[in-house]
Amino acid sequence: MNLKASAIAAGILWGFLVFVFTIIEAARGLGQTLGKLTAIYVGYSVTYAGSLVGLVYGFVTGVLIGAAFCWLYNRFCGAAAK
């Protein structure tokens, strides 16, 4: 697996999902579940402005987790192939 491509794809996906779900919940006036992200993402809130903050944090988090997953996958596949 390509580490850079996997990391960027995971970052785009997670950032987009946080952004879209925050917009939906802000429009509905809800967001108790997404409000728990405020413990992890400093400055995030379930508002329209908070969706942009969530987009950035989501992208960074997705890149880190995607890169870690891809690195582990490559390590395990490389060890199994030998």
N, C-alpha and C. Protein backbone atom coordinates (compact mmCIF):
# COMPACT_ATOMS: atom_id res chain seq x y z
N MET A 1 0.83 -1.18 0.00
CA MET A 1 0.00 0.00 0.00
C MET A 1 0.88 1.24 0.00
N ASN A 2 0.44 2.24 -0.69
CA ASN A 2 1.16 3.50 -0.73
C ASN A 2 0.80 4.31 0.51
N LEU A 3 1.79 4.58 1.34
CA LEU A 3 1.57 5.26 2.61
C LEU A 3 0.99 6.66 2.42
N LYS A 4 1.58 7.43 1.51
CA LYS A 4 1.14 8.82 1.31
C LYS A 4 -0.29 8.87 0.78
N ALA A 5 -0.60 8.02 -0.20
CA ALA A 5 -1.95 8.01 -0.78
C ALA A 5 -2.99 7.57 0.24
N SER A 6 -2.66 6.56 1.02
CA SER A 6 -3.61 6.08 2.04
C SER A 6 -3.85 7.13 3.11
N ALA A 7 -2.79 7.80 3.53
CA ALA A 7 -2.93 8.81 4.57
C ALA A 7 -3.78 9.98 4.08
N ILE A 8 -3.53 10.44 2.87
CA ILE A 8 -4.32 11.57 2.34
C ILE A 8 -5.77 11.17 2.12
N ALA A 9 -6.00 9.97 1.62
CA ALA A 9 -7.38 9.51 1.40
C ALA A 9 -8.13 9.41 2.72
N ALA A 10 -7.49 8.89 3.75
CA ALA A 10 -8.14 8.79 5.06
C ALA A 10 -8.40 10.18 5.64
N GLY A 11 -7.47 11.10 5.44
CA GLY A 11 -7.65 12.47 5.94
C GLY A 11 -8.81 13.17 5.26
N ILE A 12 -8.90 13.03 3.95
CA ILE A 12 -10.00 13.65 3.21
C ILE A 12 -11.34 13.05 3.65
N LEU A 13 -11.38 11.74 3.79
CA LEU A 13 -12.62 11.07 4.18
C LEU A 13 -13.07 11.50 5.57
N TRP A 14 -12.17 11.44 6.55
CA TRP A 14 -12.55 11.76 7.91
C TRP A 14 -12.89 13.25 8.06
N GLY A 15 -12.11 14.11 7.44
CA GLY A 15 -12.41 15.54 7.50
C GLY A 15 -13.76 15.86 6.88
N PHE A 16 -14.06 15.24 5.75
CA PHE A 16 -15.34 15.45 5.07
C PHE A 16 -16.50 14.95 5.94
N LEU A 17 -16.33 13.79 6.56
CA LEU A 17 -17.41 13.24 7.39
C LEU A 17 -17.68 14.12 8.61
N VAL A 18 -16.64 14.58 9.27
CA VAL A 18 -16.84 15.46 10.43
C VAL A 18 -17.52 16.75 9.98
N PHE A 19 -17.10 17.30 8.86
CA PHE A 19 -17.69 18.53 8.33
C PHE A 19 -19.18 18.35 8.02
N VAL A 20 -19.51 17.31 7.27
CA VAL A 20 -20.90 17.09 6.84
C VAL A 20 -21.80 16.79 8.03
N PHE A 21 -21.37 15.91 8.93
CA PHE A 21 -22.21 15.59 10.07
C PHE A 21 -22.39 16.77 11.01
N THR A 22 -21.39 17.63 11.12
CA THR A 22 -21.53 18.83 11.94
C THR A 22 -22.53 19.79 11.31
N ILE A 23 -22.48 19.96 10.00
CA ILE A 23 -23.45 20.82 9.31
C ILE A 23 -24.87 20.29 9.52
N ILE A 24 -25.04 19.00 9.35
CA ILE A 24 -26.38 18.40 9.51
C ILE A 24 -26.89 18.59 10.92
N GLU A 25 -26.05 18.31 11.91
CA GLU A 25 -26.49 18.44 13.30
C GLU A 25 -26.71 19.91 13.70
N ALA A 26 -25.93 20.82 13.15
CA ALA A 26 -26.13 22.25 13.44
C ALA A 26 -27.46 22.72 12.85
N ALA A 27 -27.79 22.24 11.67
CA ALA A 27 -29.05 22.61 11.04
C ALA A 27 -30.24 22.05 11.80
N ARG A 28 -30.08 20.87 12.35
CA ARG A 28 -31.17 20.24 13.11
C ARG A 28 -31.27 20.76 14.53
N GLY A 29 -30.21 21.44 15.01
CA GLY A 29 -30.22 21.96 16.37
C GLY A 29 -29.88 20.90 17.40
N LEU A 30 -29.27 19.84 16.97
CA LEU A 30 -28.89 18.76 17.89
C LEU A 30 -27.37 18.74 18.03
N GLY A 31 -26.83 17.62 18.38
CA GLY A 31 -25.39 17.50 18.40
C GLY A 31 -24.80 17.05 19.72
N GLN A 32 -25.57 16.33 20.55
CA GLN A 32 -25.02 15.87 21.82
C GLN A 32 -23.86 14.90 21.59
N THR A 33 -23.99 14.02 20.61
CA THR A 33 -22.94 13.05 20.35
C THR A 33 -21.71 13.72 19.75
N LEU A 34 -21.90 14.56 18.76
CA LEU A 34 -20.77 15.26 18.17
C LEU A 34 -20.15 16.27 19.14
N GLY A 35 -20.91 16.73 20.09
CA GLY A 35 -20.40 17.66 21.08
C GLY A 35 -19.28 17.05 21.91
N LYS A 36 -19.23 15.74 21.96
CA LYS A 36 -18.16 15.07 22.70
C LYS A 36 -16.80 15.25 22.03
N LEU A 37 -16.79 15.63 20.75
CA LEU A 37 -15.52 15.88 20.07
C LEU A 37 -14.81 17.12 20.62
N THR A 38 -15.53 17.95 21.38
CA THR A 38 -14.89 19.13 21.96
C THR A 38 -13.82 18.75 22.96
N ALA A 39 -13.89 17.53 23.51
CA ALA A 39 -12.86 17.07 24.43
C ALA A 39 -11.56 16.74 23.69
N ILE A 40 -11.66 16.44 22.39
CA ILE A 40 -10.49 16.06 21.60
C ILE A 40 -10.03 17.22 20.73
N TYR A 41 -10.97 17.88 20.06
CA TYR A 41 -10.66 18.95 19.11
C TYR A 41 -10.89 20.30 19.78
N VAL A 42 -9.82 20.97 20.17
CA VAL A 42 -9.91 22.27 20.84
C VAL A 42 -10.46 23.30 19.86
N GLY A 43 -11.51 24.02 20.26
CA GLY A 43 -12.10 25.04 19.42
C GLY A 43 -13.27 24.55 18.59
N TYR A 44 -13.52 23.23 18.61
CA TYR A 44 -14.62 22.66 17.83
C TYR A 44 -15.93 22.84 18.57
N SER A 45 -16.99 23.08 17.83
CA SER A 45 -18.34 23.11 18.37
C SER A 45 -19.30 22.69 17.27
N VAL A 46 -20.49 22.31 17.67
CA VAL A 46 -21.49 21.88 16.68
C VAL A 46 -22.20 23.13 16.16
N THR A 47 -21.49 23.88 15.35
CA THR A 47 -22.01 25.09 14.70
C THR A 47 -21.46 25.10 13.28
N TYR A 48 -21.93 26.07 12.52
CA TYR A 48 -21.44 26.18 11.14
C TYR A 48 -19.95 26.54 11.13
N ALA A 49 -19.53 27.44 12.01
CA ALA A 49 -18.11 27.77 12.09
C ALA A 49 -17.31 26.59 12.64
N GLY A 50 -17.89 25.87 13.57
CA GLY A 50 -17.22 24.70 14.13
C GLY A 50 -17.02 23.60 13.12
N SER A 51 -17.86 23.58 12.08
CA SER A 51 -17.69 22.55 11.05
C SER A 51 -16.39 22.75 10.29
N LEU A 52 -15.96 24.00 10.12
CA LEU A 52 -14.68 24.27 9.46
C LEU A 52 -13.50 23.85 10.35
N VAL A 53 -13.64 24.09 11.64
CA VAL A 53 -12.61 23.64 12.58
C VAL A 53 -12.55 22.12 12.58
N GLY A 54 -13.73 21.48 12.57
CA GLY A 54 -13.78 20.02 12.52
C GLY A 54 -13.20 19.46 11.23
N LEU A 55 -13.38 20.18 10.13
CA LEU A 55 -12.81 19.76 8.86
C LEU A 55 -11.28 19.70 8.94
N VAL A 56 -10.68 20.72 9.51
CA VAL A 56 -9.22 20.75 9.64
C VAL A 56 -8.73 19.67 10.60
N TYR A 57 -9.35 19.61 11.78
CA TYR A 57 -8.95 18.59 12.75
C TYR A 57 -9.20 17.19 12.21
N GLY A 58 -10.32 17.01 11.53
CA GLY A 58 -10.64 15.70 10.96
C GLY A 58 -9.63 15.28 9.92
N PHE A 59 -9.20 16.22 9.08
CA PHE A 59 -8.20 15.90 8.07
C PHE A 59 -6.89 15.48 8.72
N VAL A 60 -6.44 16.25 9.71
CA VAL A 60 -5.18 15.93 10.38
C VAL A 60 -5.27 14.57 11.10
N THR A 61 -6.36 14.35 11.81
CA THR A 61 -6.55 13.08 12.51
C THR A 61 -6.61 11.93 11.53
N GLY A 62 -7.34 12.11 10.44
CA GLY A 62 -7.45 11.06 9.42
C GLY A 62 -6.11 10.73 8.79
N VAL A 63 -5.30 11.75 8.52
CA VAL A 63 -3.97 11.52 7.94
C VAL A 63 -3.12 10.70 8.90
N LEU A 64 -3.12 11.06 10.16
CA LEU A 64 -2.31 10.34 11.14
C LEU A 64 -2.76 8.89 11.31
N ILE A 65 -4.06 8.68 11.43
CA ILE A 65 -4.58 7.32 11.61
C ILE A 65 -4.42 6.51 10.33
N GLY A 66 -4.66 7.13 9.19
CA GLY A 66 -4.48 6.44 7.91
C GLY A 66 -3.04 6.03 7.68
N ALA A 67 -2.11 6.91 8.03
CA ALA A 67 -0.69 6.60 7.87
C ALA A 67 -0.27 5.48 8.82
N ALA A 68 -0.75 5.53 10.05
CA ALA A 68 -0.42 4.48 11.02
C ALA A 68 -0.97 3.13 10.56
N PHE A 69 -2.21 3.13 10.09
CA PHE A 69 -2.81 1.89 9.62
C PHE A 69 -2.05 1.32 8.42
N CYS A 70 -1.71 2.17 7.47
CA CYS A 70 -0.99 1.73 6.29
C CYS A 70 0.41 1.23 6.64
N TRP A 71 1.08 1.92 7.54
CA TRP A 71 2.41 1.50 7.96
C TRP A 71 2.35 0.12 8.61
N LEU A 72 1.37 -0.08 9.52
CA LEU A 72 1.21 -1.38 10.16
C LEU A 72 0.87 -2.46 9.14
N TYR A 73 -0.01 -2.15 8.22
CA TYR A 73 -0.38 -3.11 7.18
C TYR A 73 0.84 -3.53 6.37
N ASN A 74 1.63 -2.56 5.97
CA ASN A 74 2.84 -2.86 5.20
C ASN A 74 3.84 -3.68 6.00
N ARG A 75 3.96 -3.41 7.29
CA ARG A 75 4.89 -4.16 8.15
C ARG A 75 4.44 -5.62 8.27
N PHE A 76 3.15 -5.83 8.51
CA PHE A 76 2.65 -7.19 8.67
C PHE A 76 2.70 -7.97 7.36
N CYS A 77 2.40 -7.33 6.26
CA CYS A 77 2.46 -8.01 4.97
C CYS A 77 3.91 -8.31 4.58
N GLY A 78 4.82 -7.42 4.90
CA GLY A 78 6.22 -7.65 4.60
C GLY A 78 6.80 -8.78 5.44
N ALA A 79 6.37 -8.88 6.69
CA ALA A 79 6.85 -9.94 7.58
C ALA A 79 6.28 -11.28 7.16
N ALA A 80 5.05 -11.29 6.67
CA ALA A 80 4.41 -12.54 6.27
C ALA A 80 4.96 -13.06 4.96
N ALA A 81 5.43 -12.15 4.10
CA ALA A 81 5.94 -12.55 2.80
C ALA A 81 7.32 -13.18 2.87
N LYS A 82 8.04 -12.95 3.95
CA LYS A 82 9.42 -13.47 4.05
C LYS A 82 9.47 -14.89 4.49
